[in-house]
Amino acid sequence: MQLTVSAATNGLAVAALTVSCIGLVFAPVPFLFWFGGILAVVGVGLGIGALGRASKGAPRKAMAVAGTCLGVLALAASVFGWFLTKELVHEFEKDEPRSGRTYPSRPADPSTPTRPGAPSRPAPSKPADVPGVTTAVAFGETVTLDNGIKVTLSKPVKYKPETAYGRQTVKNAVTLSATITNTSDRPHEVIYAVPNVRDDKGMTADLVFDTTVPKMIKGSIMPGASATGVFAWEVPEGTSSITADLSPGTLMPSAKFAGPIG
């Protein structure tokens, strides 16, 4: 009787390539990045398993490599999708009017006489009139938000790169420090807190990535504690002033600042 040996198969390679491709489609999509990220992790795992089988003689090694690489790429795209989602939420929050809602007043009962001589009460201040939230304050001042979180942006100054790489790549930049202080009675979580900066013509400034900047603010800030980050932005030559806003937490209003470059 003649024995036949079945050829080795490598279905994991096909699965890795398929799952990673689907994950790459969903990863950069706002609000669906988490689904793409999960598929990317699964795709990378399947790809590693397929590479293990291929090293033992199974076919489709190239497909296994492609599936693994696409899975890693989908993971990076899911990170981009998370940042894009946060920016969309941040823009929606800035566009959403924060003044108190007005409702039609209930008509007075004509049978109830009006009390004569009653002093009129002063109209309550509208929450829209908050310096640092609806209008910018000067750099160096502190903006206190409703939940006890304080935000301070230092006065911007010219950025001087300390490394040869920075001197070659950075042409004209400004730098400032951002401080978030927690005066509430509970820890404050910071996931992503980077100021948005515009030059004196309203154009968005590009964040500088050097060996010394940026120094991010992230993690838990305990009650009574502060956290400080340092950032720099490239601005056009001749820029004399900038504006900046910083949201200290997810779905929190932004503290707004403006002023000249020192």
Protein backbone atom coordinates (compact mmCIF):
# COMPACT_ATOMS: atom_id res chain seq x y z
CA MET A 1 0.00 0.00 0.00
CA GLN A 2 1.39 3.39 -1.03
CA LEU A 3 1.24 6.16 1.57
CA THR A 4 0.54 9.71 0.42
CA VAL A 5 1.65 12.76 2.38
CA SER A 6 -0.69 15.75 2.23
CA ALA A 7 0.90 19.08 1.34
CA ALA A 8 1.34 21.52 4.19
CA THR A 9 -1.14 24.37 4.22
CA ASN A 10 -1.00 27.84 5.75
CA GLY A 11 -4.52 29.19 6.10
CA LEU A 12 -3.34 31.61 8.77
CA ALA A 13 -1.57 33.65 6.08
CA VAL A 14 -4.82 34.14 4.16
CA ALA A 15 -6.68 35.01 7.35
CA ALA A 16 -3.98 37.49 8.43
CA LEU A 17 -4.03 39.28 5.07
CA THR A 18 -7.83 39.45 4.99
CA VAL A 19 -8.29 40.65 8.58
CA SER A 20 -5.49 43.21 8.30
CA CYS A 21 -6.94 44.65 5.07
CA ILE A 22 -10.36 45.06 6.68
CA GLY A 23 -8.77 46.63 9.76
CA LEU A 24 -6.84 49.06 7.56
CA VAL A 25 -10.12 50.20 6.01
CA PHE A 26 -11.80 50.97 9.35
CA ALA A 27 -8.76 52.18 11.35
CA PRO A 28 -8.54 55.81 10.11
CA VAL A 29 -12.32 56.33 10.09
CA PRO A 30 -13.48 58.63 12.93
CA PHE A 31 -15.46 56.86 15.66
CA LEU A 32 -14.67 53.45 14.06
CA PHE A 33 -10.93 53.47 14.78
CA TRP A 34 -11.42 51.08 17.73
CA PHE A 35 -12.89 48.41 15.43
CA GLY A 36 -10.00 48.78 13.00
CA GLY A 37 -7.53 48.62 15.86
CA ILE A 38 -8.99 45.34 17.14
CA LEU A 39 -8.84 43.82 13.65
CA ALA A 40 -5.25 45.08 13.31
CA VAL A 41 -4.19 43.31 16.51
CA VAL A 42 -5.88 40.12 15.35
CA GLY A 43 -4.24 40.45 11.94
CA VAL A 44 -0.78 40.87 13.46
CA GLY A 45 -1.33 37.82 15.66
CA LEU A 46 -2.47 35.71 12.72
CA GLY A 47 0.46 36.96 10.66
CA ILE A 48 2.98 35.99 13.33
CA GLY A 49 1.41 32.56 13.52
CA ALA A 50 1.53 32.22 9.74
CA LEU A 51 5.22 33.20 9.73
CA GLY A 52 5.86 30.50 12.31
CA ARG A 53 4.26 27.88 10.07
CA ALA A 54 6.11 29.22 7.05
CA SER A 55 9.43 28.82 8.86
CA LYS A 56 8.57 25.12 9.23
CA GLY A 57 7.99 24.67 5.52
CA ALA A 58 4.39 25.79 5.03
CA PRO A 59 3.67 27.85 1.89
CA ARG A 60 2.48 31.48 1.52
CA LYS A 61 5.32 33.09 3.43
CA ALA A 62 5.01 36.28 1.36
CA MET A 63 1.30 36.48 2.17
CA ALA A 64 2.08 36.05 5.87
CA VAL A 65 4.62 38.87 5.74
CA ALA A 66 2.15 41.10 3.89
CA GLY A 67 -0.61 40.36 6.41
CA THR A 68 1.67 41.16 9.35
CA CYS A 69 2.91 44.41 7.81
CA LEU A 70 -0.63 45.52 6.94
CA GLY A 71 -1.70 44.74 10.51
CA VAL A 72 1.04 46.97 11.91
CA LEU A 73 0.05 49.68 9.42
CA ALA A 74 -3.59 49.36 10.49
CA LEU A 75 -2.54 49.79 14.13
CA ALA A 76 -0.81 53.06 13.24
CA ALA A 77 -3.87 54.13 11.25
CA SER A 78 -6.11 53.44 14.24
CA VAL A 79 -3.97 55.82 16.33
CA PHE A 80 -4.48 58.45 13.63
CA GLY A 81 -8.19 57.70 13.69
CA TRP A 82 -8.28 58.28 17.44
CA PHE A 83 -6.59 61.69 17.10
CA LEU A 84 -8.94 62.58 14.23
CA THR A 85 -11.95 61.61 16.34
CA LYS A 86 -10.72 63.77 19.22
CA GLU A 87 -10.19 66.73 16.91
CA LEU A 88 -13.70 66.36 15.49
CA VAL A 89 -15.17 66.26 18.99
CA HIS A 90 -13.04 69.27 19.95
CA GLU A 91 -14.22 71.26 16.90
CA PHE A 92 -17.83 70.35 17.62
CA GLU A 93 -17.38 71.45 21.21
CA LYS A 94 -15.97 74.82 20.11
CA ASP A 95 -18.82 75.36 17.64
CA GLU A 96 -21.49 74.38 20.15
CA PRO A 97 -22.79 77.55 21.85
CA ARG A 98 -22.13 77.40 25.57
CA SER A 99 -24.45 80.17 26.63
CA GLY A 100 -27.43 79.19 28.75
CA ARG A 101 -30.44 77.99 26.82
CA THR A 102 -33.43 80.28 26.79
CA TYR A 103 -36.89 78.89 27.16
CA PRO A 104 -40.18 80.71 26.65
CA SER A 105 -41.34 82.20 29.92
CA ARG A 106 -44.57 81.06 31.45
CA PRO A 107 -47.28 83.70 31.02
CA ALA A 108 -48.30 85.39 34.25
CA ASP A 109 -51.64 84.54 35.74
CA PRO A 110 -53.82 87.62 35.26
CA SER A 111 -55.69 86.78 38.45
CA THR A 112 -52.52 87.19 40.51
CA PRO A 113 -51.86 90.87 41.22
CA THR A 114 -48.38 92.21 40.83
CA ARG A 115 -46.81 93.24 44.10
CA PRO A 116 -46.13 96.97 43.90
CA GLY A 117 -42.83 98.42 44.90
CA ALA A 118 -40.96 95.12 44.61
CA PRO A 119 -37.33 95.84 43.70
CA SER A 120 -36.28 94.36 40.41
CA ARG A 121 -33.59 91.72 40.68
CA PRO A 122 -30.45 92.17 38.59
CA ALA A 123 -30.23 89.84 35.64
CA PRO A 124 -27.89 86.94 36.35
CA SER A 125 -24.62 87.03 34.52
CA LYS A 126 -24.58 84.84 31.46
CA PRO A 127 -22.11 81.98 31.47
CA ALA A 128 -21.08 83.06 27.97
CA ASP A 129 -19.29 86.11 29.39
CA VAL A 130 -16.28 84.25 30.77
CA PRO A 131 -12.81 85.70 30.07
CA GLY A 132 -10.50 82.98 28.90
CA VAL A 133 -13.34 80.78 27.66
CA THR A 134 -15.32 82.95 25.26
CA THR A 135 -12.70 85.69 24.95
CA ALA A 136 -8.92 85.38 25.07
CA VAL A 137 -6.84 86.53 28.03
CA ALA A 138 -3.20 87.54 27.96
CA PHE A 139 -0.49 84.90 28.03
CA GLY A 140 0.76 84.35 31.55
CA GLU A 141 -2.70 84.64 33.12
CA THR A 142 -4.63 81.69 34.55
CA VAL A 143 -8.06 80.54 33.38
CA THR A 144 -10.18 78.64 35.90
CA LEU A 145 -12.83 76.32 34.48
CA ASP A 146 -16.07 75.31 36.18
CA ASN A 147 -14.78 71.98 37.47
CA GLY A 148 -11.82 73.50 39.32
CA ILE A 149 -9.22 72.88 36.63
CA LYS A 150 -6.87 75.81 35.99
CA VAL A 151 -4.97 76.37 32.74
CA THR A 152 -1.97 78.67 32.30
CA LEU A 153 0.03 79.34 29.13
CA SER A 154 3.31 81.18 29.58
CA LYS A 155 4.30 84.14 27.42
CA PRO A 156 5.60 82.89 24.06
CA VAL A 157 9.26 83.47 23.21
CA LYS A 158 11.52 82.61 20.30
CA TYR A 159 12.50 78.94 20.22
CA LYS A 160 16.23 78.25 20.07
CA PRO A 161 17.01 74.64 19.07
CA GLU A 162 19.62 73.00 21.27
CA THR A 163 20.66 70.29 18.83
CA ALA A 164 22.18 70.26 15.34
CA TYR A 165 19.08 68.49 14.03
CA GLY A 166 16.83 71.22 15.40
CA ARG A 167 18.99 74.01 13.97
CA GLN A 168 18.78 72.39 10.54
CA THR A 169 15.05 71.71 10.49
CA VAL A 170 13.53 74.53 12.55
CA LYS A 171 13.58 77.90 10.78
CA ASN A 172 11.42 80.25 12.85
CA ALA A 173 9.56 78.95 15.89
CA VAL A 174 8.09 80.09 19.17
CA THR A 175 7.83 78.14 22.40
CA LEU A 176 5.74 78.29 25.55
CA SER A 177 4.87 76.11 28.51
CA ALA A 178 1.39 74.90 29.43
CA THR A 179 0.40 74.17 33.03
CA ILE A 180 -2.74 72.35 34.18
CA THR A 181 -3.54 72.64 37.90
CA ASN A 182 -6.14 70.48 39.63
CA THR A 183 -7.91 72.38 42.42
CA SER A 184 -10.82 69.94 42.58
CA ASP A 185 -11.23 67.11 45.09
CA ARG A 186 -10.76 64.26 42.61
CA PRO A 187 -8.00 63.17 40.20
CA HIS A 188 -8.07 64.75 36.76
CA GLU A 189 -7.23 62.52 33.79
CA VAL A 190 -5.33 63.99 30.85
CA ILE A 191 -5.15 61.92 27.66
CA TYR A 192 -4.16 64.53 25.09
CA ALA A 193 -3.52 68.19 25.97
CA VAL A 194 -1.62 70.10 23.30
CA PRO A 195 -2.32 73.81 22.64
CA ASN A 196 -3.63 74.87 19.24
CA VAL A 197 -1.67 77.90 18.02
CA ARG A 198 -2.40 80.41 15.24
CA ASP A 199 -0.23 83.23 13.95
CA ASP A 200 -1.30 86.86 13.66
CA LYS A 201 -2.92 86.11 10.28
CA GLY A 202 -5.06 83.30 11.70
CA MET A 203 -3.09 80.47 10.10
CA THR A 204 -2.59 77.28 12.11
CA ALA A 205 1.01 76.82 13.29
CA ASP A 206 2.77 73.47 12.91
CA LEU A 207 3.98 71.72 16.06
CA VAL A 208 7.76 71.33 16.20
CA PHE A 209 9.19 67.89 16.95
CA ASP A 210 12.76 68.26 18.19
CA THR A 211 14.78 66.19 20.62
CA THR A 212 13.76 68.52 23.48
CA VAL A 213 10.15 69.32 22.50
CA PRO A 214 7.34 68.57 22.80
CA LYS A 215 7.11 67.55 26.46
CA MET A 216 3.58 66.21 26.75
CA ILE A 217 1.09 66.44 29.60
CA LYS A 218 -0.64 63.13 30.22
CA GLY A 219 -1.82 60.86 32.99
CA SER A 220 -3.56 61.60 36.29
CA ILE A 221 -3.18 64.95 38.03
CA MET A 222 -4.00 64.51 41.70
CA PRO A 223 -5.97 67.13 43.69
CA GLY A 224 -3.75 70.11 44.48
CA ALA A 225 -1.09 69.05 41.96
CA SER A 226 0.02 70.58 38.64
CA ALA A 227 1.51 69.24 35.43
CA THR A 228 3.53 71.25 32.91
CA GLY A 229 4.40 70.60 29.28
CA VAL A 230 6.66 72.47 26.86
CA PHE A 231 5.83 72.94 23.18
CA ALA A 232 7.11 74.82 20.13
CA TRP A 233 5.49 75.81 16.83
CA GLU A 234 6.82 76.92 13.46
CA VAL A 235 5.47 80.36 12.47
CA PRO A 236 6.17 82.60 9.45
CA GLU A 237 8.98 85.13 9.60
CA GLY A 238 7.78 88.47 10.91
CA THR A 239 5.02 87.04 13.12
CA SER A 240 4.67 89.38 16.09
CA SER A 241 1.76 87.81 18.02
CA ILE A 242 -0.09 84.52 18.32
CA THR A 243 -3.30 83.11 19.76
CA ALA A 244 -3.61 79.75 21.49
CA ASP A 245 -6.25 77.56 23.08
CA LEU A 246 -5.91 74.46 25.22
CA SER A 247 -8.53 71.96 26.33
CA PRO A 248 -7.28 70.32 29.57
CA GLY A 249 -9.43 67.23 29.14
CA THR A 250 -11.79 65.32 26.91
CA LEU A 251 -15.04 67.21 26.21
CA MET A 252 -13.87 70.16 28.33
CA PRO A 253 -13.99 73.79 27.10
CA SER A 254 -10.78 75.34 25.84
CA ALA A 255 -8.91 78.11 27.65
CA LYS A 256 -8.07 80.87 25.17
CA PHE A 257 -4.99 83.12 25.20
CA ALA A 258 -3.51 85.82 22.98
CA GLY A 259 -0.55 88.17 23.03
CA PRO A 260 2.74 89.24 21.51
CA ILE A 261 5.84 87.12 21.11
CA GLY A 262 8.46 88.14 23.66
